[in-house]
């Protein structure tokens, strides 16, 4: 497992634990899972937030 997968798994577990029942639990778990995936990708170096925010390394 790489850092992205661990981040996604941790986010999904925390989202599921923090949400209580119903459709909102699914939405919260999905949102926190995506957040965990993004953080994992940033830590792996696969995703550069500077490029996404318009601040490339070339400047």
PDB file of N, CA and C in Angstrom:
ATOM      1  N   UNK A   1       0.847  -1.188   0.000  1.00  0.00           N
ATOM      2  CA  UNK A   1       0.000   0.000   0.000  1.00  0.00           C
ATOM      3  C   UNK A   1       0.885   1.241   0.000  1.00  0.00           C
ATOM      4  N   UNK A   2       0.584   2.158  -0.894  1.00  0.00           N
ATOM      5  CA  UNK A   2       1.324   3.417  -0.896  1.00  0.00           C
ATOM      6  C   UNK A   2       0.590   4.438  -0.027  1.00  0.00           C
ATOM      7  N   UNK A   3       1.176   5.612   0.073  1.00  0.00           N
ATOM      8  CA  UNK A   3       0.618   6.639   0.956  1.00  0.00           C
ATOM      9  C   UNK A   3      -0.764   7.093   0.505  1.00  0.00           C
ATOM     10  N   UNK A   4      -0.990   7.142  -0.802  1.00  0.00           N
ATOM     11  CA  UNK A   4      -2.311   7.546  -1.299  1.00  0.00           C
ATOM     12  C   UNK A   4      -3.390   6.568  -0.851  1.00  0.00           C
ATOM     13  N   UNK A   5      -3.110   5.299  -0.955  1.00  0.00           N
ATOM     14  CA  UNK A   5      -4.088   4.286  -0.550  1.00  0.00           C
ATOM     15  C   UNK A   5      -4.309   4.310   0.953  1.00  0.00           C
ATOM     16  N   UNK A   6      -3.269   4.514   1.716  1.00  0.00           N
ATOM     17  CA  UNK A   6      -3.403   4.593   3.169  1.00  0.00           C
ATOM     18  C   UNK A   6      -4.215   5.828   3.555  1.00  0.00           C
ATOM     19  N   UNK A   7      -3.962   6.957   2.877  1.00  0.00           N
ATOM     20  CA  UNK A   7      -4.730   8.171   3.149  1.00  0.00           C
ATOM     21  C   UNK A   7      -6.199   7.990   2.834  1.00  0.00           C
ATOM     22  N   UNK A   8      -6.498   7.327   1.706  1.00  0.00           N
ATOM     23  CA  UNK A   8      -7.885   7.060   1.335  1.00  0.00           C
ATOM     24  C   UNK A   8      -8.546   6.149   2.366  1.00  0.00           C
ATOM     25  N   UNK A   9      -7.868   5.101   2.762  1.00  0.00           N
ATOM     26  CA  UNK A   9      -8.420   4.162   3.741  1.00  0.00           C
ATOM     27  C   UNK A   9      -8.659   4.845   5.093  1.00  0.00           C
ATOM     28  N   UNK A  10      -7.686   5.640   5.529  1.00  0.00           N
ATOM     29  CA  UNK A  10      -7.839   6.341   6.805  1.00  0.00           C
ATOM     30  C   UNK A  10      -8.998   7.332   6.749  1.00  0.00           C
ATOM     31  N   UNK A  11      -9.127   8.038   5.637  1.00  0.00           N
ATOM     32  CA  UNK A  11     -10.225   8.985   5.492  1.00  0.00           C
ATOM     33  C   UNK A  11     -11.571   8.299   5.498  1.00  0.00           C
ATOM     34  N   UNK A  12     -11.666   7.174   4.811  1.00  0.00           N
ATOM     35  CA  UNK A  12     -12.937   6.439   4.789  1.00  0.00           C
ATOM     36  C   UNK A  12     -13.297   5.893   6.169  1.00  0.00           C
ATOM     37  N   UNK A  13     -12.327   5.395   6.884  1.00  0.00           N
ATOM     38  CA  UNK A  13     -12.586   4.867   8.229  1.00  0.00           C
ATOM     39  C   UNK A  13     -13.016   5.992   9.171  1.00  0.00           C
ATOM     40  N   UNK A  14     -12.298   7.115   9.136  1.00  0.00           N
ATOM     41  CA  UNK A  14     -12.662   8.235  10.004  1.00  0.00           C
ATOM     42  C   UNK A  14     -14.019   8.826   9.627  1.00  0.00           C
ATOM     43  N   UNK A  15     -14.297   8.886   8.338  1.00  0.00           N
ATOM     44  CA  UNK A  15     -15.590   9.400   7.900  1.00  0.00           C
ATOM     45  C   UNK A  15     -16.727   8.502   8.335  1.00  0.00           C
ATOM     46  N   UNK A  16     -16.529   7.190   8.204  1.00  0.00           N
ATOM     47  CA  UNK A  16     -17.565   6.248   8.606  1.00  0.00           C
ATOM     48  C   UNK A  16     -17.773   6.279  10.123  1.00  0.00           C
ATOM     49  N   UNK A  17     -16.687   6.430  10.870  1.00  0.00           N
ATOM     50  CA  UNK A  17     -16.793   6.472  12.327  1.00  0.00           C
ATOM     51  C   UNK A  17     -17.439   7.773  12.799  1.00  0.00           C
ATOM     52  N   UNK A  18     -17.206   8.867  12.069  1.00  0.00           N
ATOM     53  CA  UNK A  18     -17.739  10.157  12.490  1.00  0.00           C
ATOM     54  C   UNK A  18     -19.177  10.399  12.084  1.00  0.00           C
ATOM     55  N   UNK A  19     -19.651   9.663  11.110  1.00  0.00           N
ATOM     56  CA  UNK A  19     -21.012   9.866  10.626  1.00  0.00           C
ATOM     57  C   UNK A  19     -21.952   8.858  11.293  1.00  0.00           C
ATOM     58  N   UNK A  20     -23.178   9.309  11.510  1.00  0.00           N
ATOM     59  CA  UNK A  20     -24.143   8.426  12.172  1.00  0.00           C
ATOM     60  C   UNK A  20     -25.338   8.236  11.246  1.00  0.00           C
ATOM     61  N   UNK A  21     -25.403   7.058  10.643  1.00  0.00           N
ATOM     62  CA  UNK A  21     -26.557   6.603   9.872  1.00  0.00           C
ATOM     63  C   UNK A  21     -27.035   7.450   8.711  1.00  0.00           C
ATOM     64  N   UNK A  22     -27.765   6.797   7.826  1.00  0.00           N
ATOM     65  CA  UNK A  22     -28.448   7.464   6.734  1.00  0.00           C
ATOM     66  C   UNK A  22     -27.567   7.856   5.560  1.00  0.00           C
ATOM     67  N   UNK A  23     -28.187   8.613   4.646  1.00  0.00           N
ATOM     68  CA  UNK A  23     -27.504   9.058   3.441  1.00  0.00           C
ATOM     69  C   UNK A  23     -26.382  10.024   3.768  1.00  0.00           C
ATOM     70  N   UNK A  24     -26.559  10.822   4.808  1.00  0.00           N
ATOM     71  CA  UNK A  24     -25.520  11.784   5.180  1.00  0.00           C
ATOM     72  C   UNK A  24     -24.228  11.074   5.579  1.00  0.00           C
ATOM     73  N   UNK A  25     -24.333   9.876   6.154  1.00  0.00           N
ATOM     74  CA  UNK A  25     -23.145   9.115   6.523  1.00  0.00           C
ATOM     75  C   UNK A  25     -22.345   8.735   5.286  1.00  0.00           C
ATOM     76  N   UNK A  26     -23.037   8.367   4.221  1.00  0.00           N
ATOM     77  CA  UNK A  26     -22.368   8.003   2.983  1.00  0.00           C
ATOM     78  C   UNK A  26     -21.668   9.227   2.389  1.00  0.00           C
ATOM     79  N   UNK A  27     -22.331  10.373   2.396  1.00  0.00           N
ATOM     80  CA  UNK A  27     -21.752  11.597   1.839  1.00  0.00           C
ATOM     81  C   UNK A  27     -20.536  12.036   2.647  1.00  0.00           C
ATOM     82  N   UNK A  28     -20.634  11.988   3.976  1.00  0.00           N
ATOM     83  CA  UNK A  28     -19.510  12.377   4.834  1.00  0.00           C
ATOM     84  C   UNK A  28     -18.334  11.428   4.629  1.00  0.00           C
ATOM     85  N   UNK A  29     -18.592  10.123   4.591  1.00  0.00           N
ATOM     86  CA  UNK A  29     -17.519   9.147   4.395  1.00  0.00           C
ATOM     87  C   UNK A  29     -16.852   9.348   3.040  1.00  0.00           C
ATOM     88  N   UNK A  30     -17.619   9.636   2.005  1.00  0.00           N
ATOM     89  CA  UNK A  30     -17.056   9.877   0.680  1.00  0.00           C
ATOM     90  C   UNK A  30     -16.201  11.141   0.663  1.00  0.00           C
ATOM     91  N   UNK A  31     -16.704  12.206   1.270  1.00  0.00           N
ATOM     92  CA  UNK A  31     -15.957  13.468   1.295  1.00  0.00           C
ATOM     93  C   UNK A  31     -14.645  13.333   2.060  1.00  0.00           C
ATOM     94  N   UNK A  32     -14.691  12.682   3.202  1.00  0.00           N
ATOM     95  CA  UNK A  32     -13.477  12.510   3.996  1.00  0.00           C
ATOM     96  C   UNK A  32     -12.521  11.543   3.294  1.00  0.00           C
ATOM     97  N   UNK A  33     -13.050  10.559   2.599  1.00  0.00           N
ATOM     98  CA  UNK A  33     -12.212   9.637   1.829  1.00  0.00           C
ATOM     99  C   UNK A  33     -11.478  10.345   0.710  1.00  0.00           C
ATOM    100  N   UNK A  34     -12.174  11.235   0.001  1.00  0.00           N
ATOM    101  CA  UNK A  34     -11.532  12.006  -1.070  1.00  0.00           C
ATOM    102  C   UNK A  34     -10.460  12.922  -0.481  1.00  0.00           C
ATOM    103  N   UNK A  35     -10.749  13.534   0.647  1.00  0.00           N
ATOM    104  CA  UNK A  35      -9.767  14.386   1.309  1.00  0.00           C
ATOM    105  C   UNK A  35      -8.527  13.577   1.694  1.00  0.00           C
ATOM    106  N   UNK A  36      -8.724  12.378   2.227  1.00  0.00           N
ATOM    107  CA  UNK A  36      -7.603  11.511   2.575  1.00  0.00           C
ATOM    108  C   UNK A  36      -6.792  11.109   1.352  1.00  0.00           C
ATOM    109  N   UNK A  37      -7.466  10.857   0.242  1.00  0.00           N
ATOM    110  CA  UNK A  37      -6.784  10.506  -1.000  1.00  0.00           C
ATOM    111  C   UNK A  37      -5.932  11.668  -1.494  1.00  0.00           C
ATOM    112  N   UNK A  38      -6.479  12.876  -1.459  1.00  0.00           N
ATOM    113  CA  UNK A  38      -5.734  14.049  -1.913  1.00  0.00           C
ATOM    114  C   UNK A  38      -4.505  14.281  -1.040  1.00  0.00           C
ATOM    115  N   UNK A  39      -4.666  14.175   0.264  1.00  0.00           N
ATOM    116  CA  UNK A  39      -3.534  14.357   1.173  1.00  0.00           C
ATOM    117  C   UNK A  39      -2.474  13.289   0.915  1.00  0.00           C
ATOM    118  N   UNK A  40      -2.896  12.055   0.702  1.00  0.00           N
ATOM    119  CA  UNK A  40      -1.950  10.988   0.399  1.00  0.00           C
ATOM    120  C   UNK A  40      -1.202  11.230  -0.895  1.00  0.00           C
ATOM    121  N   UNK A  41      -1.900  11.716  -1.921  1.00  0.00           N
ATOM    122  CA  UNK A  41      -1.248  12.018  -3.214  1.00  0.00           C
ATOM    123  C   UNK A  41      -0.250  13.161  -3.066  1.00  0.00           C
ATOM    124  N   UNK A  42      -0.589  14.166  -2.263  1.00  0.00           N
ATOM    125  CA  UNK A  42       0.332  15.274  -2.041  1.00  0.00           C
ATOM    126  C   UNK A  42       1.575  14.761  -1.328  1.00  0.00           C
ATOM    127  N   UNK A  43       1.405  13.927  -0.326  1.00  0.00           N
ATOM    128  CA  UNK A  43       2.547  13.387   0.411  1.00  0.00           C
ATOM    129  C   UNK A  43       3.400  12.472  -0.453  1.00  0.00           C
ATOM    130  N   UNK A  44       2.784  11.766  -1.398  1.00  0.00           N
ATOM    131  CA  UNK A  44       3.529  10.917  -2.331  1.00  0.00           C
ATOM    132  C   UNK A  44       4.268  11.739  -3.376  1.00  0.00           C
ATOM    133  N   UNK A  45       3.845  12.961  -3.589  1.00  0.00           N
ATOM    134  CA  UNK A  45       4.441  13.797  -4.620  1.00  0.00           C
ATOM    135  C   UNK A  45       3.762  13.643  -5.973  1.00  0.00           C
ATOM    136  N   UNK A  46       2.641  12.914  -6.016  1.00  0.00           N
ATOM    137  CA  UNK A  46       1.908  12.712  -7.261  1.00  0.00           C
ATOM    138  C   UNK A  46       1.028  13.901  -7.622  1.00  0.00           C
ATOM    139  N   UNK A  47       0.769  14.773  -6.666  1.00  0.00           N
ATOM    140  CA  UNK A  47      -0.123  15.904  -6.876  1.00  0.00           C
ATOM    141  C   UNK A  47       0.549  17.153  -6.339  1.00  0.00           C
ATOM    142  N   UNK A  48       0.703  18.162  -7.195  1.00  0.00           N
ATOM    143  CA  UNK A  48       1.325  19.420  -6.792  1.00  0.00           C
ATOM    144  C   UNK A  48       0.235  20.472  -6.611  1.00  0.00           C
ATOM    145  N   UNK A  49      -0.001  20.874  -5.384  1.00  0.00           N
ATOM    146  CA  UNK A  49      -1.057  21.847  -5.108  1.00  0.00           C
ATOM    147  C   UNK A  49      -0.751  23.212  -5.711  1.00  0.00           C
ATOM    148  N   UNK A  50       0.528  23.541  -5.888  1.00  0.00           N
ATOM    149  CA  UNK A  50       0.898  24.812  -6.494  1.00  0.00           C
ATOM    150  C   UNK A  50       0.392  24.930  -7.919  1.00  0.00           C
ATOM    151  N   UNK A  51       0.444  23.835  -8.661  1.00  0.00           N
ATOM    152  CA  UNK A  51      -0.058  23.850 -10.034  1.00  0.00           C
ATOM    153  C   UNK A  51      -1.577  23.975 -10.061  1.00  0.00           C
ATOM    154  N   UNK A  52      -2.240  23.327  -9.137  1.00  0.00           N
ATOM    155  CA  UNK A  52      -3.697  23.402  -9.087  1.00  0.00           C
ATOM    156  C   UNK A  52      -4.183  24.791  -8.701  1.00  0.00           C
ATOM    157  N   UNK A  53      -3.416  25.473  -7.857  1.00  0.00           N
ATOM    158  CA  UNK A  53      -3.806  26.791  -7.383  1.00  0.00           C
ATOM    159  C   UNK A  53      -3.267  27.909  -8.265  1.00  0.00           C
ATOM    160  N   UNK A  54      -2.565  27.557  -9.346  1.00  0.00           N
ATOM    161  CA  UNK A  54      -2.067  28.556 -10.274  1.00  0.00           C
ATOM    162  C   UNK A  54      -0.672  29.073  -9.939  1.00  0.00           C
ATOM    163  N   UNK A  55      -0.029  28.459  -8.984  1.00  0.00           N
ATOM    164  CA  UNK A  55       1.325  28.881  -8.620  1.00  0.00           C
ATOM    165  C   UNK A  55       2.306  27.775  -9.021  1.00  0.00           C
ATOM    166  N   UNK A  56       2.679  27.765 -10.262  1.00  0.00           N
ATOM    167  CA  UNK A  56       3.598  26.752 -10.768  1.00  0.00           C
ATOM    168  C   UNK A  56       5.016  26.972 -10.254  1.00  0.00           C
ATOM    169  N   UNK A  57       5.857  25.972 -10.422  1.00  0.00           N
ATOM    170  CA  UNK A  57       7.253  26.071  -9.960  1.00  0.00           C
ATOM    171  C   UNK A  57       8.118  26.912 -10.884  1.00  0.00           C
ATOM    172  N   UNK A  58       7.614  27.246 -12.074  1.00  0.00           N
ATOM    173  CA  UNK A  58       8.398  27.981 -13.052  1.00  0.00           C
ATOM    174  C   UNK A  58       8.567  29.457 -12.693  1.00  0.00           C
ATOM    175  N   UNK A  59       7.721  29.971 -11.851  1.00  0.00           N
ATOM    176  CA  UNK A  59       7.752  31.413 -11.544  1.00  0.00           C
ATOM    177  C   UNK A  59       8.848  31.767 -10.579  1.00  0.00           C
TER     178      UNK A  59
END
